[in-house]
Amino acid sequence: CSHSCTDGKCMPLRYLLGAPKTGTTSSMHDALEHGYACGARQPSPTCPRIPPKYGYKETHYLEKIMGLPQYARSTTRWRACFTSMYQSAACRSHCFIEGTPDNMGTPLASLRLRAMMSATEARGARFVMVVREPVARDLSWFRHRQRMQPDHPSGMALPRSVSYDAYVARHLQSWRACAAAHRV
């Protein structure tokens, strides 16, 4: 597993993509079980905390925290907080995995990740998508987002007028653009 560390803080280059209830937790557990990879720790004290219920697997930085007003257009701040959760001293393998399942369903997650990566990191990044009953699960998630209040703090609320076809097309376009930028 390749890694990218500066001053003991590392940019994870392995990402588990999926959605809630697709098996990302099991996949993360398998990757960590033998010490071949490590997850996140709490960030530097000046950064937003990871909710305790998420633990080592999910940071929610790409889909929630980076959407907060105080982080708007601050790629340097995003990177400092994000990499502070992945410290080389805490992981013998220096192979870090970020596994927030909601990243897949958040169009801005891929753009936020790319914005804070160097060109070398972007070329070295690898993504594993975990799917389970993909259409039924995604349709359920789509309807859940349509029921959210428009001012939901996650920024993930969808207007009821958006069709499922348009929703899927937008996500595919976002990830295809990310893959093209990485020449995947």
N, C-alpha and C. Protein backbone atom coordinates (compact mmCIF):
# COMPACT_ATOMS: atom_id res chain seq x y z
N CYS A 1 0.86 -1.19 0.00
CA CYS A 1 0.00 0.00 0.00
C CYS A 1 0.89 1.24 0.00
N SER A 2 0.68 2.11 -0.92
CA SER A 2 1.47 3.33 -0.97
C SER A 2 0.92 4.32 0.06
N HIS A 3 1.74 5.29 0.41
CA HIS A 3 1.30 6.30 1.37
C HIS A 3 1.93 7.64 1.02
N SER A 4 1.38 8.69 1.59
CA SER A 4 1.86 10.04 1.37
C SER A 4 1.82 10.78 2.70
N CYS A 5 2.98 10.89 3.34
CA CYS A 5 3.05 11.50 4.67
C CYS A 5 4.00 12.70 4.67
N THR A 6 3.61 13.73 5.38
CA THR A 6 4.43 14.92 5.59
C THR A 6 4.33 15.28 7.06
N ASP A 7 5.47 15.42 7.72
CA ASP A 7 5.50 15.77 9.14
C ASP A 7 4.63 14.83 9.99
N GLY A 8 4.62 13.56 9.61
CA GLY A 8 3.88 12.56 10.38
C GLY A 8 2.40 12.50 10.11
N LYS A 9 1.88 13.41 9.28
CA LYS A 9 0.47 13.41 8.92
C LYS A 9 0.34 12.85 7.51
N CYS A 10 -0.62 11.94 7.33
CA CYS A 10 -0.71 11.23 6.05
C CYS A 10 -2.05 11.45 5.35
N MET A 11 -1.97 11.51 4.03
CA MET A 11 -3.17 11.54 3.20
C MET A 11 -3.52 10.09 2.89
N PRO A 12 -4.70 9.63 3.31
CA PRO A 12 -5.07 8.26 2.96
C PRO A 12 -5.13 8.12 1.44
N LEU A 13 -4.68 6.99 0.94
CA LEU A 13 -4.73 6.75 -0.50
C LEU A 13 -5.62 5.56 -0.84
N ARG A 14 -6.36 5.08 0.16
CA ARG A 14 -7.32 4.00 -0.04
C ARG A 14 -8.67 4.47 0.50
N TYR A 15 -9.71 4.31 -0.32
CA TYR A 15 -11.04 4.79 0.05
C TYR A 15 -12.07 3.70 -0.20
N LEU A 16 -12.88 3.45 0.81
CA LEU A 16 -14.03 2.55 0.66
C LEU A 16 -15.24 3.41 0.32
N LEU A 17 -15.82 3.17 -0.80
CA LEU A 17 -17.02 3.90 -1.21
C LEU A 17 -18.20 2.95 -1.15
N GLY A 18 -19.32 3.47 -0.83
CA GLY A 18 -20.51 2.64 -0.77
C GLY A 18 -21.68 3.51 -0.38
N ALA A 19 -22.45 3.01 0.49
CA ALA A 19 -23.59 3.73 1.02
C ALA A 19 -23.92 3.05 2.34
N PRO A 20 -24.73 3.70 3.17
CA PRO A 20 -25.11 3.03 4.40
C PRO A 20 -25.70 1.65 4.12
N LYS A 21 -25.29 0.70 4.90
CA LYS A 21 -25.81 -0.67 4.86
C LYS A 21 -25.37 -1.48 3.64
N THR A 22 -24.23 -1.15 3.05
CA THR A 22 -23.75 -1.94 1.91
C THR A 22 -22.63 -2.90 2.27
N GLY A 23 -22.07 -2.81 3.48
CA GLY A 23 -21.00 -3.71 3.88
C GLY A 23 -19.65 -3.03 4.01
N THR A 24 -19.63 -1.70 4.06
CA THR A 24 -18.34 -1.01 4.19
C THR A 24 -17.69 -1.30 5.55
N THR A 25 -18.47 -1.46 6.59
CA THR A 25 -17.89 -1.75 7.91
C THR A 25 -17.20 -3.11 7.90
N SER A 26 -17.83 -4.11 7.33
CA SER A 26 -17.22 -5.44 7.24
C SER A 26 -15.95 -5.38 6.39
N SER A 27 -16.00 -4.65 5.29
CA SER A 27 -14.83 -4.53 4.42
C SER A 27 -13.68 -3.83 5.15
N MET A 28 -13.99 -2.79 5.90
CA MET A 28 -12.97 -2.08 6.67
C MET A 28 -12.37 -2.99 7.73
N HIS A 29 -13.23 -3.72 8.43
CA HIS A 29 -12.76 -4.63 9.47
C HIS A 29 -11.80 -5.66 8.88
N ASP A 30 -12.14 -6.21 7.72
CA ASP A 30 -11.26 -7.18 7.06
C ASP A 30 -9.90 -6.57 6.73
N ALA A 31 -9.88 -5.33 6.27
CA ALA A 31 -8.63 -4.66 5.92
C ALA A 31 -7.76 -4.37 7.15
N LEU A 32 -8.39 -4.10 8.27
CA LEU A 32 -7.66 -3.73 9.48
C LEU A 32 -7.26 -4.93 10.34
N GLU A 33 -7.97 -6.03 10.18
CA GLU A 33 -7.84 -7.17 11.08
C GLU A 33 -6.41 -7.67 11.26
N HIS A 34 -5.64 -7.70 10.22
CA HIS A 34 -4.29 -8.25 10.29
C HIS A 34 -3.20 -7.18 10.38
N GLY A 35 -3.59 -5.94 10.59
CA GLY A 35 -2.61 -4.87 10.74
C GLY A 35 -2.02 -4.37 9.43
N TYR A 36 -2.66 -4.70 8.32
CA TYR A 36 -2.15 -4.25 7.02
C TYR A 36 -2.56 -2.82 6.70
N ALA A 37 -3.51 -2.30 7.43
CA ALA A 37 -4.01 -0.95 7.18
C ALA A 37 -4.53 -0.36 8.48
N CYS A 38 -4.72 0.95 8.48
CA CYS A 38 -5.22 1.66 9.66
C CYS A 38 -6.32 2.62 9.26
N GLY A 39 -7.19 2.92 10.21
CA GLY A 39 -8.25 3.89 10.00
C GLY A 39 -7.89 5.22 10.65
N ALA A 40 -8.88 6.05 10.82
CA ALA A 40 -8.69 7.40 11.35
C ALA A 40 -8.64 7.41 12.88
N ARG A 41 -8.00 8.43 13.39
CA ARG A 41 -8.02 8.75 14.82
C ARG A 41 -8.65 10.13 14.93
N GLN A 42 -8.84 10.61 16.13
CA GLN A 42 -9.40 11.96 16.29
C GLN A 42 -8.43 12.99 15.71
N PRO A 43 -8.94 14.03 15.08
CA PRO A 43 -8.09 15.04 14.47
C PRO A 43 -7.43 15.96 15.50
N SER A 44 -6.59 16.84 15.01
CA SER A 44 -5.95 17.84 15.87
C SER A 44 -7.02 18.60 16.65
N PRO A 45 -6.67 19.09 17.85
CA PRO A 45 -7.67 19.76 18.70
C PRO A 45 -8.37 20.96 18.06
N THR A 46 -7.74 21.61 17.10
CA THR A 46 -8.35 22.78 16.46
C THR A 46 -9.29 22.40 15.31
N CYS A 47 -9.45 21.11 15.06
CA CYS A 47 -10.29 20.63 13.95
C CYS A 47 -11.59 20.04 14.48
N PRO A 48 -12.62 20.00 13.63
CA PRO A 48 -13.86 19.35 14.04
C PRO A 48 -13.62 17.89 14.40
N ARG A 49 -14.29 17.42 15.43
CA ARG A 49 -14.12 16.06 15.93
C ARG A 49 -14.93 15.07 15.10
N ILE A 50 -14.48 13.83 15.08
CA ILE A 50 -15.26 12.75 14.48
C ILE A 50 -16.28 12.34 15.53
N PRO A 51 -17.56 12.24 15.16
CA PRO A 51 -18.54 11.78 16.15
C PRO A 51 -18.12 10.41 16.69
N PRO A 52 -18.14 10.22 18.00
CA PRO A 52 -17.66 8.97 18.61
C PRO A 52 -18.29 7.71 18.04
N LYS A 53 -19.53 7.78 17.61
CA LYS A 53 -20.17 6.57 17.09
C LYS A 53 -19.55 6.07 15.79
N TYR A 54 -18.77 6.91 15.10
CA TYR A 54 -18.18 6.50 13.83
C TYR A 54 -16.82 5.84 14.00
N GLY A 55 -16.07 6.22 15.01
CA GLY A 55 -14.80 5.58 15.29
C GLY A 55 -13.77 5.71 14.19
N TYR A 56 -12.97 4.66 14.02
CA TYR A 56 -11.82 4.65 13.13
C TYR A 56 -12.18 4.67 11.64
N LYS A 57 -13.38 4.23 11.29
CA LYS A 57 -13.73 4.03 9.89
C LYS A 57 -14.19 5.29 9.18
N GLU A 58 -15.09 6.03 9.77
CA GLU A 58 -15.77 7.13 9.11
C GLU A 58 -15.35 8.49 9.68
N THR A 59 -14.85 9.35 8.82
CA THR A 59 -14.49 10.70 9.28
C THR A 59 -15.62 11.69 9.01
N HIS A 60 -16.38 11.46 7.98
CA HIS A 60 -17.44 12.37 7.52
C HIS A 60 -16.90 13.73 7.13
N TYR A 61 -15.61 13.82 6.89
CA TYR A 61 -15.02 15.10 6.48
C TYR A 61 -15.39 15.47 5.05
N LEU A 62 -15.36 14.54 4.14
CA LEU A 62 -15.59 14.87 2.73
C LEU A 62 -17.04 15.20 2.44
N GLU A 63 -17.98 14.59 3.16
CA GLU A 63 -19.38 14.82 2.84
C GLU A 63 -20.09 15.74 3.82
N LYS A 64 -19.57 15.96 4.99
CA LYS A 64 -20.27 16.83 5.95
C LYS A 64 -19.39 17.98 6.40
N ILE A 65 -18.31 17.66 7.08
CA ILE A 65 -17.52 18.69 7.76
C ILE A 65 -16.96 19.72 6.80
N MET A 66 -16.49 19.29 5.63
CA MET A 66 -15.94 20.25 4.68
C MET A 66 -17.02 21.14 4.07
N GLY A 67 -18.27 20.80 4.27
CA GLY A 67 -19.36 21.64 3.80
C GLY A 67 -19.74 22.74 4.78
N LEU A 68 -19.13 22.75 5.96
CA LEU A 68 -19.44 23.78 6.95
C LEU A 68 -18.90 25.13 6.47
N PRO A 69 -19.61 26.21 6.77
CA PRO A 69 -19.20 27.54 6.28
C PRO A 69 -17.76 27.92 6.61
N GLN A 70 -17.26 27.55 7.78
CA GLN A 70 -15.91 27.96 8.15
C GLN A 70 -14.82 27.28 7.32
N TYR A 71 -15.19 26.26 6.55
CA TYR A 71 -14.21 25.57 5.72
C TYR A 71 -14.39 25.87 4.24
N ALA A 72 -15.33 26.72 3.90
CA ALA A 72 -15.57 27.04 2.50
C ALA A 72 -14.31 27.62 1.86
N ARG A 73 -13.94 27.03 0.75
CA ARG A 73 -12.78 27.47 -0.04
C ARG A 73 -11.47 27.48 0.74
N SER A 74 -11.32 26.58 1.68
CA SER A 74 -10.08 26.52 2.46
C SER A 74 -9.45 25.13 2.33
N THR A 75 -8.93 24.85 1.16
CA THR A 75 -8.33 23.54 0.90
C THR A 75 -7.19 23.25 1.85
N THR A 76 -6.41 24.25 2.19
CA THR A 76 -5.30 24.07 3.11
C THR A 76 -5.80 23.62 4.48
N ARG A 77 -6.86 24.24 4.95
CA ARG A 77 -7.46 23.87 6.24
C ARG A 77 -8.05 22.46 6.17
N TRP A 78 -8.74 22.14 5.08
CA TRP A 78 -9.31 20.80 4.91
C TRP A 78 -8.22 19.76 5.04
N ARG A 79 -7.14 19.98 4.29
CA ARG A 79 -6.06 18.99 4.26
C ARG A 79 -5.41 18.85 5.64
N ALA A 80 -5.17 19.96 6.31
CA ALA A 80 -4.53 19.91 7.63
C ALA A 80 -5.37 19.10 8.61
N CYS A 81 -6.66 19.33 8.63
CA CYS A 81 -7.54 18.59 9.54
C CYS A 81 -7.66 17.13 9.12
N PHE A 82 -7.86 16.90 7.83
CA PHE A 82 -8.05 15.55 7.33
C PHE A 82 -6.82 14.69 7.59
N THR A 83 -5.64 15.18 7.25
CA THR A 83 -4.42 14.39 7.43
C THR A 83 -4.04 14.24 8.90
N SER A 84 -4.51 15.12 9.76
CA SER A 84 -4.18 15.00 11.19
C SER A 84 -4.81 13.75 11.80
N MET A 85 -5.78 13.16 11.13
CA MET A 85 -6.42 11.94 11.64
C MET A 85 -5.65 10.67 11.25
N TYR A 86 -4.70 10.81 10.37
CA TYR A 86 -3.93 9.67 9.86
C TYR A 86 -2.45 9.93 10.13
N GLN A 87 -1.98 9.49 11.29
CA GLN A 87 -0.62 9.79 11.70
C GLN A 87 0.28 8.58 11.52
N SER A 88 1.43 8.80 10.90
CA SER A 88 2.34 7.70 10.58
C SER A 88 2.79 6.95 11.83
N ALA A 89 2.98 7.64 12.94
CA ALA A 89 3.43 6.99 14.17
C ALA A 89 2.40 5.99 14.71
N ALA A 90 1.15 6.15 14.32
CA ALA A 90 0.07 5.29 14.83
C ALA A 90 -0.20 4.09 13.93
N CYS A 91 0.52 3.98 12.82
CA CYS A 91 0.22 2.92 11.86
C CYS A 91 1.51 2.38 11.27
N ARG A 92 1.84 1.19 11.69
CA ARG A 92 3.09 0.56 11.25
C ARG A 92 3.16 0.44 9.72
N SER A 93 2.06 0.11 9.08
CA SER A 93 2.05 -0.10 7.62
C SER A 93 2.01 1.20 6.82
N HIS A 94 1.61 2.30 7.45
CA HIS A 94 1.41 3.59 6.78
C HIS A 94 0.38 3.49 5.64
N CYS A 95 -0.45 2.48 5.71
CA CYS A 95 -1.52 2.29 4.73
C CYS A 95 -2.82 2.71 5.41
N PHE A 96 -3.35 3.83 5.01
CA PHE A 96 -4.54 4.37 5.65
C PHE A 96 -5.76 4.23 4.74
N ILE A 97 -6.90 3.92 5.37
CA ILE A 97 -8.16 3.76 4.65
C ILE A 97 -9.19 4.70 5.25
N GLU A 98 -9.90 5.42 4.39
CA GLU A 98 -11.04 6.24 4.81
C GLU A 98 -12.27 5.51 4.30
N GLY A 99 -13.25 5.29 5.17
CA GLY A 99 -14.39 4.47 4.79
C GLY A 99 -15.74 5.04 5.10
N THR A 100 -15.94 6.34 4.92
CA THR A 100 -17.25 6.92 5.15
C THR A 100 -18.17 6.51 4.01
N PRO A 101 -19.20 5.70 4.27
CA PRO A 101 -20.04 5.23 3.17
C PRO A 101 -20.78 6.35 2.46
N ASP A 102 -21.11 7.42 3.15
CA ASP A 102 -21.86 8.52 2.54
C ASP A 102 -21.08 9.27 1.47
N ASN A 103 -19.77 9.07 1.38
CA ASN A 103 -18.99 9.76 0.36
C ASN A 103 -19.50 9.45 -1.04
N MET A 104 -19.94 8.24 -1.27
CA MET A 104 -20.42 7.86 -2.60
C MET A 104 -21.66 8.64 -2.99
N GLY A 105 -22.52 8.92 -2.05
CA GLY A 105 -23.77 9.61 -2.35
C GLY A 105 -23.70 11.11 -2.24
N THR A 106 -22.51 11.65 -2.07
CA THR A 106 -22.35 13.10 -1.93
C THR A 106 -21.55 13.61 -3.12
N PRO A 107 -22.21 14.30 -4.06
CA PRO A 107 -21.51 14.73 -5.27
C PRO A 107 -20.24 15.54 -5.01
N LEU A 108 -20.21 16.34 -3.97
CA LEU A 108 -19.04 17.18 -3.72
C LEU A 108 -17.87 16.42 -3.07
N ALA A 109 -18.11 15.23 -2.56
CA ALA A 109 -17.03 14.50 -1.88
C ALA A 109 -15.84 14.25 -2.79
N SER A 110 -16.09 13.81 -4.01
CA SER A 110 -14.98 13.54 -4.93
C SER A 110 -14.23 14.82 -5.28
N LEU A 111 -14.94 15.91 -5.44
CA LEU A 111 -14.29 17.18 -5.77
C LEU A 111 -13.48 17.71 -4.59
N ARG A 112 -14.02 17.57 -3.39
CA ARG A 112 -13.29 18.02 -2.20
C ARG A 112 -12.02 17.20 -2.00
N LEU A 113 -12.12 15.89 -2.21
CA LEU A 113 -10.95 15.04 -2.06
C LEU A 113 -9.88 15.42 -3.07
N ARG A 114 -10.27 15.56 -4.31
CA ARG A 114 -9.29 15.90 -5.36
C ARG A 114 -8.66 17.27 -5.10
N ALA A 115 -9.43 18.21 -4.60
CA ALA A 115 -8.91 19.55 -4.35
C ALA A 115 -7.80 19.57 -3.31
N MET A 116 -7.82 18.64 -2.38
CA MET A 116 -6.79 18.68 -1.33
C MET A 116 -5.66 17.68 -1.58
N MET A 117 -5.72 16.94 -2.67
CA MET A 117 -4.65 15.99 -2.99
C MET A 117 -3.65 16.61 -3.96
N SER A 118 -2.41 16.21 -3.81
CA SER A 118 -1.41 16.58 -4.81
C SER A 118 -1.64 15.71 -6.04
N ALA A 119 -1.00 16.05 -7.14
CA ALA A 119 -1.13 15.26 -8.37
C ALA A 119 -0.63 13.83 -8.14
N THR A 120 0.45 13.70 -7.39
CA THR A 120 1.00 12.37 -7.11
C THR A 120 0.04 11.55 -6.26
N GLU A 121 -0.57 12.18 -5.25
CA GLU A 121 -1.54 11.48 -4.41
C GLU A 121 -2.75 11.05 -5.23
N ALA A 122 -3.22 11.93 -6.11
CA ALA A 122 -4.38 11.60 -6.93
C ALA A 122 -4.10 10.39 -7.82
N ARG A 123 -2.90 10.34 -8.37
CA ARG A 123 -2.54 9.18 -9.20
C ARG A 123 -2.41 7.91 -8.37
N GLY A 124 -2.02 8.03 -7.11
CA GLY A 124 -1.82 6.87 -6.25
C GLY A 124 -3.06 6.42 -5.51
N ALA A 125 -4.10 7.22 -5.52
CA ALA A 125 -5.33 6.89 -4.78
C ALA A 125 -6.05 5.72 -5.43
N ARG A 126 -6.62 4.88 -4.59
CA ARG A 126 -7.39 3.73 -5.06
C ARG A 126 -8.73 3.72 -4.34
N PHE A 127 -9.76 3.35 -5.08
CA PHE A 127 -11.12 3.38 -4.57
C PHE A 127 -11.75 2.00 -4.72
N VAL A 128 -12.39 1.54 -3.66
CA VAL A 128 -13.13 0.28 -3.68
C VAL A 128 -14.58 0.62 -3.40
N MET A 129 -15.44 0.24 -4.32
CA MET A 129 -16.86 0.50 -4.13
C MET A 129 -17.53 -0.78 -3.65
N VAL A 130 -18.22 -0.68 -2.53
CA VAL A 130 -18.93 -1.81 -1.97
C VAL A 130 -20.40 -1.62 -2.29
N VAL A 131 -20.97 -2.60 -2.96
CA VAL A 131 -22.39 -2.50 -3.31
C VAL A 131 -23.14 -3.72 -2.79
N ARG A 132 -24.38 -3.50 -2.50
CA ARG A 132 -25.26 -4.58 -2.04
C ARG A 132 -26.67 -4.20 -2.43
N GLU A 133 -27.33 -5.02 -3.20
CA GLU A 133 -28.65 -4.69 -3.72
C GLU A 133 -28.65 -3.23 -4.16
N PRO A 134 -27.81 -2.90 -5.10
CA PRO A 134 -27.53 -1.49 -5.39
C PRO A 134 -28.73 -0.64 -5.79
N VAL A 135 -29.61 -1.14 -6.62
CA VAL A 135 -30.71 -0.30 -7.07
C VAL A 135 -31.70 -0.06 -5.94
N ALA A 136 -32.10 -1.11 -5.25
CA ALA A 136 -33.06 -0.95 -4.15
C ALA A 136 -32.48 -0.10 -3.03
N ARG A 137 -31.19 -0.32 -2.70
CA ARG A 137 -30.56 0.43 -1.64
C ARG A 137 -30.42 1.90 -2.03
N ASP A 138 -29.99 2.14 -3.26
CA ASP A 138 -29.82 3.52 -3.70
C ASP A 138 -31.14 4.26 -3.82
N LEU A 139 -32.15 3.58 -4.28
CA LEU A 139 -33.47 4.20 -4.38
C LEU A 139 -33.98 4.57 -2.99
N SER A 140 -33.75 3.72 -2.02
CA SER A 140 -34.14 4.02 -0.64
C SER A 140 -33.38 5.26 -0.13
N TRP A 141 -32.10 5.32 -0.42
CA TRP A 141 -31.29 6.46 0.00
C TRP A 141 -31.75 7.73 -0.69
N PHE A 142 -32.07 7.65 -1.97
CA PHE A 142 -32.59 8.78 -2.74
C PHE A 142 -33.87 9.32 -2.09
N ARG A 143 -34.79 8.43 -1.76
CA ARG A 143 -36.05 8.85 -1.14
C ARG A 143 -35.81 9.45 0.24
N HIS A 144 -34.86 8.88 0.96
CA HIS A 144 -34.49 9.43 2.28
C HIS A 144 -34.02 10.87 2.12
N ARG A 145 -33.17 11.12 1.14
CA ARG A 145 -32.66 12.47 0.91
C ARG A 145 -33.76 13.43 0.47
N GLN A 146 -34.73 12.95 -0.27
CA GLN A 146 -35.85 13.81 -0.66
C GLN A 146 -36.72 14.19 0.53
N ARG A 147 -36.75 13.36 1.56
CA ARG A 147 -37.53 13.66 2.77
C ARG A 147 -36.80 14.62 3.71
N MET A 148 -35.51 14.84 3.50
CA MET A 148 -34.75 15.75 4.36
C MET A 148 -35.25 17.19 4.18
N GLN A 149 -35.14 17.95 5.24
CA GLN A 149 -35.47 19.37 5.16
C GLN A 149 -34.46 20.06 4.25
N PRO A 150 -34.87 21.05 3.46
CA PRO A 150 -33.94 21.71 2.54
C PRO A 150 -32.70 22.31 3.23
N ASP A 151 -32.84 22.69 4.49
CA ASP A 151 -31.71 23.29 5.21
C ASP A 151 -30.95 22.27 6.07
N HIS A 152 -31.09 20.99 5.75
CA HIS A 152 -30.40 19.94 6.52
C HIS A 152 -28.91 20.24 6.57
N PRO A 153 -28.27 20.14 7.76
CA PRO A 153 -26.86 20.52 7.90
C PRO A 153 -25.89 19.73 7.01
N SER A 154 -26.29 18.56 6.56
CA SER A 154 -25.40 17.78 5.70
C SER A 154 -25.32 18.35 4.30
N GLY A 155 -26.29 19.18 3.92
CA GLY A 155 -26.33 19.70 2.56
C GLY A 155 -26.75 18.63 1.55
N MET A 156 -27.29 17.53 2.04
CA MET A 156 -27.61 16.40 1.17
C MET A 156 -29.09 16.31 0.79
N ALA A 157 -29.89 17.28 1.23
CA ALA A 157 -31.32 17.24 0.90
C ALA A 157 -31.51 17.40 -0.60
N LEU A 158 -32.46 16.67 -1.14
CA LEU A 158 -32.79 16.75 -2.56
C LEU A 158 -34.19 17.31 -2.73
N PRO A 159 -34.39 18.15 -3.73
CA PRO A 159 -35.75 18.61 -4.01
C PRO A 159 -36.62 17.44 -4.47
N ARG A 160 -37.87 17.47 -4.13
CA ARG A 160 -38.78 16.39 -4.54
C ARG A 160 -38.95 16.35 -6.06
N SER A 161 -38.63 17.44 -6.73
CA SER A 161 -38.80 17.49 -8.19
C SER A 161 -37.69 16.75 -8.95
N VAL A 162 -36.59 16.39 -8.27
CA VAL A 162 -35.49 15.69 -8.93
C VAL A 162 -35.89 14.23 -9.16
N SER A 163 -35.72 13.78 -10.39
CA SER A 163 -36.05 12.39 -10.70
C SER A 163 -34.89 11.49 -10.28
N TYR A 164 -35.20 10.23 -10.08
CA TYR A 164 -34.15 9.27 -9.73
C TYR A 164 -33.13 9.14 -10.87
N ASP A 165 -33.59 9.17 -12.12
CA ASP A 165 -32.68 9.09 -13.27
C ASP A 165 -31.70 10.26 -13.26
N ALA A 166 -32.18 11.46 -13.00
CA ALA A 166 -31.30 12.64 -12.97
C ALA A 166 -30.31 12.54 -11.81
N TYR A 167 -30.78 12.06 -10.68
CA TYR A 167 -29.93 11.87 -9.50
C TYR A 167 -28.78 10.92 -9.81
N VAL A 168 -29.08 9.77 -10.40
CA VAL A 168 -28.06 8.78 -10.74
C VAL A 168 -27.09 9.35 -11.77
N ALA A 169 -27.61 10.00 -12.78
CA ALA A 169 -26.75 10.58 -13.83
C ALA A 169 -25.76 11.59 -13.25
N ARG A 170 -26.22 12.41 -12.31
CA ARG A 170 -25.33 13.40 -11.69
C ARG A 170 -24.20 12.73 -10.92
N HIS A 171 -24.50 11.69 -10.18
CA HIS A 171 -23.47 10.99 -9.41
C HIS A 171 -22.46 10.30 -10.33
N LEU A 172 -22.96 9.63 -11.34
CA LEU A 172 -22.05 8.97 -12.27
C LEU A 172 -21.13 9.97 -12.96
N GLN A 173 -21.68 11.11 -13.35
CA GLN A 173 -20.88 12.15 -13.99
C GLN A 173 -19.78 12.65 -13.05
N SER A 174 -20.10 12.85 -11.80
CA SER A 174 -19.13 13.33 -10.81
C SER A 174 -17.99 12.34 -10.64
N TRP A 175 -18.31 11.05 -10.47
CA TRP A 175 -17.25 10.05 -10.26
C TRP A 175 -16.48 9.76 -11.54
N ARG A 176 -17.12 9.86 -12.69
CA ARG A 176 -16.39 9.70 -13.95
C ARG A 176 -15.37 10.82 -14.13
N ALA A 177 -15.76 12.04 -13.76
CA ALA A 177 -14.84 13.17 -13.84
C ALA A 177 -13.66 12.96 -12.90
N CYS A 178 -13.94 12.45 -11.71
CA CYS A 178 -12.87 12.16 -10.75
C CYS A 178 -11.93 11.11 -11.31
N ALA A 179 -12.49 10.03 -11.87
CA ALA A 179 -11.67 8.96 -12.45
C ALA A 179 -10.85 9.47 -13.62
N ALA A 180 -11.45 10.32 -14.45
CA ALA A 180 -10.73 10.87 -15.60
C ALA A 180 -9.55 11.74 -15.13
N ALA A 181 -9.77 12.50 -14.07
CA ALA A 181 -8.70 13.34 -13.54
C ALA A 181 -7.55 12.49 -13.01
N HIS A 182 -7.88 11.29 -12.54
CA HIS A 182 -6.85 10.38 -12.01
C HIS A 182 -6.32 9.43 -13.07
N ARG A 183 -6.93 9.51 -14.26
CA ARG A 183 -6.58 8.60 -15.37
C ARG A 183 -6.76 7.14 -14.96
N VAL A 184 -7.88 6.89 -14.29
CA VAL A 184 -8.19 5.52 -13.85
C VAL A 184 -8.87 4.77 -14.96
